[in-house]
PDB file of N, CA and C in Angstrom:
ATOM      1  N   MET A   1      -6.967 -28.651   9.563  1.00  0.00           N
ATOM      2  CA  MET A   1      -8.161 -29.345   9.191  1.00  0.00           C
ATOM      3  C   MET A   1      -8.609 -28.844   7.810  1.00  0.00           C
ATOM      4  N   PRO A   2      -8.837 -29.743   6.858  1.00  0.00           N
ATOM      5  CA  PRO A   2      -9.244 -29.326   5.509  1.00  0.00           C
ATOM      6  C   PRO A   2     -10.653 -28.714   5.528  1.00  0.00           C
ATOM      7  N   PRO A   3     -10.928 -27.835   4.566  1.00  0.00           N
ATOM      8  CA  PRO A   3     -12.253 -27.211   4.518  1.00  0.00           C
ATOM      9  C   PRO A   3     -13.348 -28.228   4.228  1.00  0.00           C
ATOM     10  N   THR A   4     -14.522 -27.951   4.782  1.00  0.00           N
ATOM     11  CA  THR A   4     -15.688 -28.800   4.543  1.00  0.00           C
ATOM     12  C   THR A   4     -16.226 -28.525   3.136  1.00  0.00           C
ATOM     13  N   THR A   5     -17.165 -29.327   2.707  1.00  0.00           N
ATOM     14  CA  THR A   5     -17.803 -29.128   1.404  1.00  0.00           C
ATOM     15  C   THR A   5     -18.474 -27.758   1.345  1.00  0.00           C
ATOM     16  N   THR A   6     -19.147 -27.357   2.425  1.00  0.00           N
ATOM     17  CA  THR A   6     -19.802 -26.049   2.465  1.00  0.00           C
ATOM     18  C   THR A   6     -18.781 -24.929   2.401  1.00  0.00           C
ATOM     19  N   GLU A   7     -17.679 -25.065   3.131  1.00  0.00           N
ATOM     20  CA  GLU A   7     -16.631 -24.044   3.099  1.00  0.00           C
ATOM     21  C   GLU A   7     -16.023 -23.934   1.709  1.00  0.00           C
ATOM     22  N   LYS A   8     -15.817 -25.065   1.047  1.00  0.00           N
ATOM     23  CA  LYS A   8     -15.285 -25.041  -0.326  1.00  0.00           C
ATOM     24  C   LYS A   8     -16.255 -24.323  -1.263  1.00  0.00           C
ATOM     25  N   ALA A   9     -17.549 -24.586  -1.105  1.00  0.00           N
ATOM     26  CA  ALA A   9     -18.563 -23.929  -1.942  1.00  0.00           C
ATOM     27  C   ALA A   9     -18.561 -22.419  -1.685  1.00  0.00           C
ATOM     28  N   ASN A  10     -18.459 -22.005  -0.421  1.00  0.00           N
ATOM     29  CA  ASN A  10     -18.427 -20.581  -0.086  1.00  0.00           C
ATOM     30  C   ASN A  10     -17.188 -19.904  -0.653  1.00  0.00           C
ATOM     31  N   ILE A  11     -16.057 -20.584  -0.588  1.00  0.00           N
ATOM     32  CA  ILE A  11     -14.816 -20.046  -1.165  1.00  0.00           C
ATOM     33  C   ILE A  11     -14.985 -19.836  -2.671  1.00  0.00           C
ATOM     34  N   ALA A  12     -15.601 -20.788  -3.336  1.00  0.00           N
ATOM     35  CA  ALA A  12     -15.822 -20.681  -4.783  1.00  0.00           C
ATOM     36  C   ALA A  12     -16.730 -19.497  -5.115  1.00  0.00           C
ATOM     37  N   ILE A  13     -17.747 -19.263  -4.295  1.00  0.00           N
ATOM     38  CA  ILE A  13     -18.668 -18.136  -4.521  1.00  0.00           C
ATOM     39  C   ILE A  13     -17.905 -16.814  -4.428  1.00  0.00           C
ATOM     40  N   VAL A  14     -17.086 -16.659  -3.387  1.00  0.00           N
ATOM     41  CA  VAL A  14     -16.323 -15.419  -3.216  1.00  0.00           C
ATOM     42  C   VAL A  14     -15.293 -15.265  -4.331  1.00  0.00           C
ATOM     43  N   GLN A  15     -14.636 -16.351  -4.738  1.00  0.00           N
ATOM     44  CA  GLN A  15     -13.689 -16.271  -5.857  1.00  0.00           C
ATOM     45  C   GLN A  15     -14.393 -15.814  -7.123  1.00  0.00           C
ATOM     46  N   ASN A  16     -15.586 -16.354  -7.384  1.00  0.00           N
ATOM     47  CA  ASN A  16     -16.345 -15.935  -8.564  1.00  0.00           C
ATOM     48  C   ASN A  16     -16.708 -14.457  -8.491  1.00  0.00           C
ATOM     49  N   PHE A  17     -16.985 -13.964  -7.289  1.00  0.00           N
ATOM     50  CA  PHE A  17     -17.301 -12.549  -7.106  1.00  0.00           C
ATOM     51  C   PHE A  17     -16.162 -11.690  -7.659  1.00  0.00           C
ATOM     52  N   PHE A  18     -14.911 -12.082  -7.387  1.00  0.00           N
ATOM     53  CA  PHE A  18     -13.762 -11.309  -7.841  1.00  0.00           C
ATOM     54  C   PHE A  18     -13.376 -11.610  -9.282  1.00  0.00           C
ATOM     55  N   GLU A  19     -13.527 -12.851  -9.716  1.00  0.00           N
ATOM     56  CA  GLU A  19     -13.043 -13.247 -11.034  1.00  0.00           C
ATOM     57  C   GLU A  19     -14.015 -12.947 -12.164  1.00  0.00           C
ATOM     58  N   VAL A  20     -15.318 -13.096 -11.934  1.00  0.00           N
ATOM     59  CA  VAL A  20     -16.284 -12.888 -13.016  1.00  0.00           C
ATOM     60  C   VAL A  20     -17.491 -12.075 -12.597  1.00  0.00           C
ATOM     61  N   GLY A  21     -17.585 -11.738 -11.351  1.00  0.00           N
ATOM     62  CA  GLY A  21     -18.794 -11.115 -10.819  1.00  0.00           C
ATOM     63  C   GLY A  21     -18.850  -9.612 -10.948  1.00  0.00           C
ATOM     64  N   PRO A  22     -19.597  -8.993 -10.040  1.00  0.00           N
ATOM     65  CA  PRO A  22     -19.841  -7.560 -10.118  1.00  0.00           C
ATOM     66  C   PRO A  22     -18.567  -6.725 -10.027  1.00  0.00           C
ATOM     67  N   SER A  23     -17.517  -7.251  -9.398  1.00  0.00           N
ATOM     68  CA  SER A  23     -16.275  -6.485  -9.341  1.00  0.00           C
ATOM     69  C   SER A  23     -15.644  -6.350 -10.721  1.00  0.00           C
ATOM     70  N   LYS A  24     -16.066  -7.178 -11.683  1.00  0.00           N
ATOM     71  CA  LYS A  24     -15.608  -7.087 -13.074  1.00  0.00           C
ATOM     72  C   LYS A  24     -16.694  -6.504 -13.983  1.00  0.00           C
ATOM     73  N   GLY A  25     -17.814  -6.077 -13.390  1.00  0.00           N
ATOM     74  CA  GLY A  25     -18.880  -5.459 -14.166  1.00  0.00           C
ATOM     75  C   GLY A  25     -19.884  -6.432 -14.761  1.00  0.00           C
ATOM     76  N   ASP A  26     -19.825  -7.710 -14.411  1.00  0.00           N
ATOM     77  CA  ASP A  26     -20.750  -8.709 -14.940  1.00  0.00           C
ATOM     78  C   ASP A  26     -21.999  -8.737 -14.055  1.00  0.00           C
ATOM     79  N   MET A  27     -23.021  -8.003 -14.462  1.00  0.00           N
ATOM     80  CA  MET A  27     -24.212  -7.879 -13.634  1.00  0.00           C
ATOM     81  C   MET A  27     -25.057  -9.157 -13.620  1.00  0.00           C
ATOM     82  N   ALA A  28     -24.975  -9.984 -14.652  1.00  0.00           N
ATOM     83  CA  ALA A  28     -25.668 -11.279 -14.627  1.00  0.00           C
ATOM     84  C   ALA A  28     -25.063 -12.159 -13.542  1.00  0.00           C
ATOM     85  N   ALA A  29     -23.731 -12.122 -13.417  1.00  0.00           N
ATOM     86  CA  ALA A  29     -23.069 -12.882 -12.356  1.00  0.00           C
ATOM     87  C   ALA A  29     -23.447 -12.312 -10.996  1.00  0.00           C
ATOM     88  N   ALA A  30     -23.634 -11.005 -10.917  1.00  0.00           N
ATOM     89  CA  ALA A  30     -24.044 -10.389  -9.651  1.00  0.00           C
ATOM     90  C   ALA A  30     -25.371 -10.970  -9.204  1.00  0.00           C
ATOM     91  N   ASP A  31     -26.310 -11.120 -10.123  1.00  0.00           N
ATOM     92  CA  ASP A  31     -27.612 -11.704  -9.776  1.00  0.00           C
ATOM     93  C   ASP A  31     -27.461 -13.120  -9.240  1.00  0.00           C
ATOM     94  N   ALA A  32     -26.519 -13.869  -9.793  1.00  0.00           N
ATOM     95  CA  ALA A  32     -26.316 -15.249  -9.361  1.00  0.00           C
ATOM     96  C   ALA A  32     -25.573 -15.330  -8.034  1.00  0.00           C
ATOM     97  N   LEU A  33     -24.730 -14.351  -7.737  1.00  0.00           N
ATOM     98  CA  LEU A  33     -23.857 -14.415  -6.559  1.00  0.00           C
ATOM     99  C   LEU A  33     -24.390 -13.676  -5.341  1.00  0.00           C
ATOM    100  N   LEU A  34     -25.184 -12.620  -5.560  1.00  0.00           N
ATOM    101  CA  LEU A  34     -25.624 -11.776  -4.456  1.00  0.00           C
ATOM    102  C   LEU A  34     -27.062 -12.088  -4.056  1.00  0.00           C
ATOM    103  N   ALA A  35     -27.297 -12.117  -2.749  1.00  0.00           N
ATOM    104  CA  ALA A  35     -28.647 -12.311  -2.232  1.00  0.00           C
ATOM    105  C   ALA A  35     -29.512 -11.109  -2.621  1.00  0.00           C
ATOM    106  N   THR A  36     -30.809 -11.317  -2.710  1.00  0.00           N
ATOM    107  CA  THR A  36     -31.702 -10.215  -3.094  1.00  0.00           C
ATOM    108  C   THR A  36     -31.681  -9.089  -2.064  1.00  0.00           C
ATOM    109  N   ASP A  37     -31.374  -9.411  -0.814  1.00  0.00           N
ATOM    110  CA  ASP A  37     -31.301  -8.388   0.234  1.00  0.00           C
ATOM    111  C   ASP A  37     -29.847  -8.059   0.600  1.00  0.00           C
ATOM    112  N   PHE A  38     -28.942  -8.187  -0.365  1.00  0.00           N
ATOM    113  CA  PHE A  38     -27.512  -7.937  -0.167  1.00  0.00           C
ATOM    114  C   PHE A  38     -27.275  -6.563   0.438  1.00  0.00           C
ATOM    115  N   SER A  39     -26.348  -6.482   1.412  1.00  0.00           N
ATOM    116  CA  SER A  39     -25.954  -5.214   2.030  1.00  0.00           C
ATOM    117  C   SER A  39     -24.458  -5.025   1.874  1.00  0.00           C
ATOM    118  N   LEU A  40     -24.082  -3.839   1.445  1.00  0.00           N
ATOM    119  CA  LEU A  40     -22.678  -3.495   1.261  1.00  0.00           C
ATOM    120  C   LEU A  40     -22.289  -2.487   2.330  1.00  0.00           C
ATOM    121  N   HIS A  41     -21.227  -2.777   3.070  1.00  0.00           N
ATOM    122  CA  HIS A  41     -20.744  -1.901   4.140  1.00  0.00           C
ATOM    123  C   HIS A  41     -19.290  -1.542   3.816  1.00  0.00           C
ATOM    124  N   VAL A  42     -19.091  -0.660   2.828  1.00  0.00           N
ATOM    125  CA  VAL A  42     -17.746  -0.322   2.367  1.00  0.00           C
ATOM    126  C   VAL A  42     -17.682   1.192   2.170  1.00  0.00           C
ATOM    127  N   PRO A  43     -16.697   1.867   2.818  1.00  0.00           N
ATOM    128  CA  PRO A  43     -16.609   3.311   2.622  1.00  0.00           C
ATOM    129  C   PRO A  43     -16.141   3.706   1.229  1.00  0.00           C
ATOM    130  N   LEU A  44     -15.277   2.890   0.617  1.00  0.00           N
ATOM    131  CA  LEU A  44     -14.773   3.129  -0.738  1.00  0.00           C
ATOM    132  C   LEU A  44     -14.704   1.806  -1.467  1.00  0.00           C
ATOM    133  N   PRO A  45     -14.727   1.813  -2.811  1.00  0.00           N
ATOM    134  CA  PRO A  45     -14.585   0.543  -3.516  1.00  0.00           C
ATOM    135  C   PRO A  45     -13.250  -0.136  -3.195  1.00  0.00           C
ATOM    136  N   THR A  46     -13.320  -1.395  -2.835  1.00  0.00           N
ATOM    137  CA  THR A  46     -12.124  -2.191  -2.567  1.00  0.00           C
ATOM    138  C   THR A  46     -12.322  -3.571  -3.175  1.00  0.00           C
ATOM    139  N   SER A  47     -11.288  -4.360  -3.152  1.00  0.00           N
ATOM    140  CA  SER A  47     -11.433  -5.697  -3.702  1.00  0.00           C
ATOM    141  C   SER A  47     -10.636  -6.719  -2.900  1.00  0.00           C
ATOM    142  N   GLY A  48     -11.304  -7.281  -1.911  1.00  0.00           N
ATOM    143  CA  GLY A  48     -10.705  -8.398  -1.195  1.00  0.00           C
ATOM    144  C   GLY A  48      -9.640  -8.035  -0.213  1.00  0.00           C
ATOM    145  N   THR A  49      -9.215  -9.089   0.541  1.00  0.00           N
ATOM    146  CA  THR A  49      -8.037  -8.878   1.398  1.00  0.00           C
ATOM    147  C   THR A  49      -6.882  -8.702   0.456  1.00  0.00           C
ATOM    148  N   VAL A  50      -6.271  -7.501   0.475  1.00  0.00           N
ATOM    149  CA  VAL A  50      -5.439  -7.134  -0.655  1.00  0.00           C
ATOM    150  C   VAL A  50      -4.266  -6.244  -0.240  1.00  0.00           C
ATOM    151  N   THR A  51      -3.213  -6.335  -0.986  1.00  0.00           N
ATOM    152  CA  THR A  51      -2.160  -5.330  -0.997  1.00  0.00           C
ATOM    153  C   THR A  51      -2.043  -4.882  -2.442  1.00  0.00           C
ATOM    154  N   ALA A  52      -2.328  -3.620  -2.685  1.00  0.00           N
ATOM    155  CA  ALA A  52      -2.276  -3.077  -4.040  1.00  0.00           C
ATOM    156  C   ALA A  52      -1.100  -2.103  -4.141  1.00  0.00           C
ATOM    157  N   ARG A  53      -0.428  -2.141  -5.264  1.00  0.00           N
ATOM    158  CA  ARG A  53       0.701  -1.250  -5.513  1.00  0.00           C
ATOM    159  C   ARG A  53       0.423  -0.469  -6.797  1.00  0.00           C
ATOM    160  N   GLY A  54       0.870   0.756  -6.807  1.00  0.00           N
ATOM    161  CA  GLY A  54       0.654   1.564  -7.996  1.00  0.00           C
ATOM    162  C   GLY A  54       1.464   2.841  -7.925  1.00  0.00           C
ATOM    163  N   VAL A  55       1.105   3.780  -8.782  1.00  0.00           N
ATOM    164  CA  VAL A  55       1.738   5.087  -8.834  1.00  0.00           C
ATOM    165  C   VAL A  55       0.623   6.113  -8.789  1.00  0.00           C
ATOM    166  N   HIS A  56       0.800   7.125  -7.965  1.00  0.00           N
ATOM    167  CA  HIS A  56      -0.207   8.184  -7.818  1.00  0.00           C
ATOM    168  C   HIS A  56      -0.183   9.066  -9.064  1.00  0.00           C
ATOM    169  N   LYS A  57      -1.117   8.774  -9.997  1.00  0.00           N
ATOM    170  CA  LYS A  57      -1.152   9.478 -11.284  1.00  0.00           C
ATOM    171  C   LYS A  57      -2.362  10.385 -11.446  1.00  0.00           C
ATOM    172  N   GLY A  58      -3.301  10.329 -10.494  1.00  0.00           N
ATOM    173  CA  GLY A  58      -4.494  11.156 -10.595  1.00  0.00           C
ATOM    174  C   GLY A  58      -4.750  11.881  -9.293  1.00  0.00           C
ATOM    175  N   GLU A  59      -5.632  12.880  -9.339  1.00  0.00           N
ATOM    176  CA  GLU A  59      -5.968  13.640  -8.143  1.00  0.00           C
ATOM    177  C   GLU A  59      -6.567  12.708  -7.087  1.00  0.00           C
ATOM    178  N   PHE A  60      -6.166  12.897  -5.838  1.00  0.00           N
ATOM    179  CA  PHE A  60      -6.696  12.114  -4.716  1.00  0.00           C
ATOM    180  C   PHE A  60      -6.892  13.049  -3.537  1.00  0.00           C
ATOM    181  N   MET A  61      -8.129  13.185  -3.100  1.00  0.00           N
ATOM    182  CA  MET A  61      -8.475  14.031  -1.961  1.00  0.00           C
ATOM    183  C   MET A  61      -7.927  15.453  -2.144  1.00  0.00           C
ATOM    184  N   GLY A  62      -8.038  15.968  -3.364  1.00  0.00           N
ATOM    185  CA  GLY A  62      -7.586  17.319  -3.663  1.00  0.00           C
ATOM    186  C   GLY A  62      -6.097  17.437  -3.950  1.00  0.00           C
ATOM    187  N   LEU A  63      -5.341  16.360  -3.787  1.00  0.00           N
ATOM    188  CA  LEU A  63      -3.896  16.380  -4.043  1.00  0.00           C
ATOM    189  C   LEU A  63      -3.637  16.034  -5.499  1.00  0.00           C
ATOM    190  N   PRO A  64      -2.968  16.929  -6.248  1.00  0.00           N
ATOM    191  CA  PRO A  64      -2.665  16.593  -7.639  1.00  0.00           C
ATOM    192  C   PRO A  64      -1.689  15.423  -7.706  1.00  0.00           C
ATOM    193  N   PRO A  65      -1.591  14.766  -8.859  1.00  0.00           N
ATOM    194  CA  PRO A  65      -0.697  13.616  -9.003  1.00  0.00           C
ATOM    195  C   PRO A  65       0.730  13.954  -8.569  1.00  0.00           C
ATOM    196  N   THR A  66       1.346  13.032  -7.817  1.00  0.00           N
ATOM    197  CA  THR A  66       2.720  13.235  -7.344  1.00  0.00           C
ATOM    198  C   THR A  66       3.718  12.350  -8.071  1.00  0.00           C
ATOM    199  N   GLY A  67       3.232  11.287  -8.727  1.00  0.00           N
ATOM    200  CA  GLY A  67       4.122  10.336  -9.364  1.00  0.00           C
ATOM    201  C   GLY A  67       4.794   9.397  -8.380  1.00  0.00           C
ATOM    202  N   LYS A  68       4.429   9.491  -7.085  1.00  0.00           N
ATOM    203  CA  LYS A  68       5.033   8.637  -6.059  1.00  0.00           C
ATOM    204  C   LYS A  68       4.478   7.221  -6.154  1.00  0.00           C
ATOM    205  N   PRO A  69       5.327   6.217  -5.897  1.00  0.00           N
ATOM    206  CA  PRO A  69       4.805   4.855  -5.774  1.00  0.00           C
ATOM    207  C   PRO A  69       4.021   4.738  -4.472  1.00  0.00           C
ATOM    208  N   ILE A  70       2.942   3.970  -4.501  1.00  0.00           N
ATOM    209  CA  ILE A  70       2.097   3.805  -3.314  1.00  0.00           C
ATOM    210  C   ILE A  70       1.789   2.328  -3.096  1.00  0.00           C
ATOM    211  N   VAL A  71       1.499   1.997  -1.845  1.00  0.00           N
ATOM    212  CA  VAL A  71       1.049   0.662  -1.454  1.00  0.00           C
ATOM    213  C   VAL A  71      -0.128   0.871  -0.518  1.00  0.00           C
ATOM    214  N   ILE A  72      -1.226   0.175  -0.767  1.00  0.00           N
ATOM    215  CA  ILE A  72      -2.392   0.272   0.102  1.00  0.00           C
ATOM    216  C   ILE A  72      -2.871  -1.132   0.435  1.00  0.00           C
ATOM    217  N   THR A  73      -3.223  -1.321   1.684  1.00  0.00           N
ATOM    218  CA  THR A  73      -3.747  -2.614   2.125  1.00  0.00           C
ATOM    219  C   THR A  73      -5.212  -2.461   2.491  1.00  0.00           C
ATOM    220  N   GLY A  74      -5.922  -3.575   2.466  1.00  0.00           N
ATOM    221  CA  GLY A  74      -7.327  -3.558   2.829  1.00  0.00           C
ATOM    222  C   GLY A  74      -7.811  -4.956   3.134  1.00  0.00           C
ATOM    223  N   ILE A  75      -9.065  -5.038   3.547  1.00  0.00           N
ATOM    224  CA  ILE A  75      -9.673  -6.319   3.872  1.00  0.00           C
ATOM    225  C   ILE A  75     -11.156  -6.266   3.523  1.00  0.00           C
ATOM    226  N   GLU A  76     -11.682  -7.393   3.094  1.00  0.00           N
ATOM    227  CA  GLU A  76     -13.117  -7.538   2.884  1.00  0.00           C
ATOM    228  C   GLU A  76     -13.576  -8.803   3.589  1.00  0.00           C
ATOM    229  N   ILE A  77     -14.705  -8.705   4.256  1.00  0.00           N
ATOM    230  CA  ILE A  77     -15.286  -9.834   4.985  1.00  0.00           C
ATOM    231  C   ILE A  77     -16.667 -10.097   4.399  1.00  0.00           C
ATOM    232  N   PHE A  78     -16.908 -11.345   4.022  1.00  0.00           N
ATOM    233  CA  PHE A  78     -18.162 -11.745   3.400  1.00  0.00           C
ATOM    234  C   PHE A  78     -18.993 -12.578   4.362  1.00  0.00           C
ATOM    235  N   ARG A  79     -20.312 -12.362   4.348  1.00  0.00           N
ATOM    236  CA  ARG A  79     -21.247 -13.264   5.036  1.00  0.00           C
ATOM    237  C   ARG A  79     -22.117 -13.894   3.959  1.00  0.00           C
ATOM    238  N   LEU A  80     -22.102 -15.218   3.919  1.00  0.00           N
ATOM    239  CA  LEU A  80     -22.893 -15.937   2.937  1.00  0.00           C
ATOM    240  C   LEU A  80     -24.110 -16.563   3.599  1.00  0.00           C
ATOM    241  N   LYS A  81     -25.195 -16.633   2.832  1.00  0.00           N
ATOM    242  CA  LYS A  81     -26.442 -17.213   3.328  1.00  0.00           C
ATOM    243  C   LYS A  81     -27.114 -17.934   2.168  1.00  0.00           C
ATOM    244  N   LYS A  82     -27.354 -19.206   2.357  1.00  0.00           N
ATOM    245  CA  LYS A  82     -28.034 -20.027   1.341  1.00  0.00           C
ATOM    246  C   LYS A  82     -27.334 -19.950  -0.018  1.00  0.00           C
ATOM    247  N   GLY A  83     -25.997 -20.001  -0.001  1.00  0.00           N
ATOM    248  CA  GLY A  83     -25.241 -20.056  -1.242  1.00  0.00           C
ATOM    249  C   GLY A  83     -25.081 -18.741  -1.973  1.00  0.00           C
ATOM    250  N   LYS A  84     -25.409 -17.621  -1.309  1.00  0.00           N
ATOM    251  CA  LYS A  84     -25.241 -16.307  -1.932  1.00  0.00           C
ATOM    252  C   LYS A  84     -24.589 -15.362  -0.942  1.00  0.00           C
ATOM    253  N   ILE A  85     -23.949 -14.328  -1.475  1.00  0.00           N
ATOM    254  CA  ILE A  85     -23.323 -13.322  -0.630  1.00  0.00           C
ATOM    255  C   ILE A  85     -24.416 -12.404  -0.099  1.00  0.00           C
ATOM    256  N   ALA A  86     -24.579 -12.408   1.230  1.00  0.00           N
ATOM    257  CA  ALA A  86     -25.622 -11.611   1.864  1.00  0.00           C
ATOM    258  C   ALA A  86     -25.097 -10.251   2.327  1.00  0.00           C
ATOM    259  N   GLU A  87     -23.844 -10.222   2.788  1.00  0.00           N
ATOM    260  CA  GLU A  87     -23.256  -8.973   3.259  1.00  0.00           C
ATOM    261  C   GLU A  87     -21.765  -8.956   2.954  1.00  0.00           C
ATOM    262  N   LEU A  88     -21.263  -7.747   2.756  1.00  0.00           N
ATOM    263  CA  LEU A  88     -19.837  -7.557   2.531  1.00  0.00           C
ATOM    264  C   LEU A  88     -19.400  -6.308   3.294  1.00  0.00           C
ATOM    265  N   TRP A  89     -18.373  -6.474   4.130  1.00  0.00           N
ATOM    266  CA  TRP A  89     -17.754  -5.362   4.837  1.00  0.00           C
ATOM    267  C   TRP A  89     -16.369  -5.166   4.254  1.00  0.00           C
ATOM    268  N   GLY A  90     -15.989  -3.930   4.016  1.00  0.00           N
ATOM    269  CA  GLY A  90     -14.669  -3.664   3.483  1.00  0.00           C
ATOM    270  C   GLY A  90     -14.048  -2.441   4.117  1.00  0.00           C
ATOM    271  N   GLU A  91     -12.750  -2.456   4.186  1.00  0.00           N
ATOM    272  CA  GLU A  91     -12.015  -1.328   4.753  1.00  0.00           C
ATOM    273  C   GLU A  91     -10.653  -1.259   4.080  1.00  0.00           C
ATOM    274  N   ALA A  92     -10.235  -0.060   3.733  1.00  0.00           N
ATOM    275  CA  ALA A  92      -8.921   0.163   3.134  1.00  0.00           C
ATOM    276  C   ALA A  92      -8.104   1.047   4.071  1.00  0.00           C
ATOM    277  N   ASN A  93      -6.807   0.851   4.083  1.00  0.00           N
ATOM    278  CA  ASN A  93      -5.912   1.635   4.929  1.00  0.00           C
ATOM    279  C   ASN A  93      -5.635   2.986   4.272  1.00  0.00           C
ATOM    280  N   LEU A  94      -6.619   3.868   4.326  1.00  0.00           N
ATOM    281  CA  LEU A  94      -6.477   5.185   3.708  1.00  0.00           C
ATOM    282  C   LEU A  94      -5.502   6.074   4.485  1.00  0.00           C
ATOM    283  N   MET A  95      -5.402   5.862   5.800  1.00  0.00           N
ATOM    284  CA  MET A  95      -4.460   6.639   6.602  1.00  0.00           C
ATOM    285  C   MET A  95      -3.024   6.395   6.109  1.00  0.00           C
ATOM    286  N   GLY A  96      -2.697   5.117   5.885  1.00  0.00           N
ATOM    287  CA  GLY A  96      -1.367   4.785   5.377  1.00  0.00           C
ATOM    288  C   GLY A  96      -1.119   5.403   4.013  1.00  0.00           C
ATOM    289  N   LEU A  97      -2.127   5.384   3.157  1.00  0.00           N
ATOM    290  CA  LEU A  97      -1.992   5.980   1.828  1.00  0.00           C
ATOM    291  C   LEU A  97      -1.769   7.490   1.933  1.00  0.00           C
ATOM    292  N   MET A  98      -2.517   8.148   2.827  1.00  0.00           N
ATOM    293  CA  MET A  98      -2.359   9.596   2.979  1.00  0.00           C
ATOM    294  C   MET A  98      -0.975   9.950   3.523  1.00  0.00           C
ATOM    295  N   HIS A  99      -0.413   9.099   4.382  1.00  0.00           N
ATOM    296  CA  HIS A  99       0.960   9.317   4.858  1.00  0.00           C
ATOM    297  C   HIS A  99       1.944   9.212   3.689  1.00  0.00           C
ATOM    298  N   GLN A 100       1.770   8.212   2.844  1.00  0.00           N
ATOM    299  CA  GLN A 100       2.680   8.018   1.717  1.00  0.00           C
ATOM    300  C   GLN A 100       2.670   9.195   0.757  1.00  0.00           C
ATOM    301  N   LEU A 101       1.489   9.801   0.590  1.00  0.00           N
ATOM    302  CA  LEU A 101       1.356  10.904  -0.356  1.00  0.00           C
ATOM    303  C   LEU A 101       1.673  12.265   0.261  1.00  0.00           C
ATOM    304  N   GLY A 102       1.920  12.274   1.576  1.00  0.00           N
ATOM    305  CA  GLY A 102       2.243  13.534   2.243  1.00  0.00           C
ATOM    306  C   GLY A 102       1.044  14.370   2.598  1.00  0.00           C
ATOM    307  N   ILE A 103      -0.169  13.802   2.475  1.00  0.00           N
ATOM    308  CA  ILE A 103      -1.378  14.531   2.870  1.00  0.00           C
ATOM    309  C   ILE A 103      -1.388  14.693   4.385  1.00  0.00           C
ATOM    310  N   LEU A 104      -0.942  13.649   5.081  1.00  0.00           N
ATOM    311  CA  LEU A 104      -0.804  13.671   6.543  1.00  0.00           C
ATOM    312  C   LEU A 104       0.663  13.465   6.881  1.00  0.00           C
ATOM    313  N   PRO A 105       1.139  14.099   7.953  1.00  0.00           N
ATOM    314  CA  PRO A 105       2.536  13.879   8.333  1.00  0.00           C
ATOM    315  C   PRO A 105       2.739  12.474   8.869  1.00  0.00           C
ATOM    316  N   SER A 106       3.952  11.949   8.705  1.00  0.00           N
ATOM    317  CA  SER A 106       4.290  10.639   9.212  1.00  0.00           C
ATOM    318  C   SER A 106       4.223  10.657  10.730  1.00  0.00           C
ATOM    319  N   SER A 107       3.847   9.525  11.331  1.00  0.00           N
ATOM    320  CA  SER A 107       3.759   9.448  12.792  1.00  0.00           C
ATOM    321  C   SER A 107       5.122   9.185  13.416  1.00  0.00           C
ATOM    322  N   ALA A 108       6.141   8.991  12.598  1.00  0.00           N
ATOM    323  CA  ALA A 108       7.484   8.664  13.140  1.00  0.00           C
ATOM    324  C   ALA A 108       8.145   9.848  13.758  1.00  0.00           C
TER     325      ALA A 108
END
């Protein structure tokens, strides 16, 4: 079933959040996209339902850079109200990242 007009509008709002909004440092866009009573429920900064790849080049949780390639997954869930983002929940798979870096032993 194709998205409704309201669903399309909500999708556009969330896309703008990532493309031009506060996640890119545009605070004017933040005012336009976020409700005045916006609530953020995120333990660490994340960006969307995502798979990110990189190389561990900086200190993380006391571990000096290892140069290892890493992959981290996460998810963000948005609640919109009256055309603005009212709440955002986010979670990143930090356990998986810590396994990759050797901070925690593998469960295998």
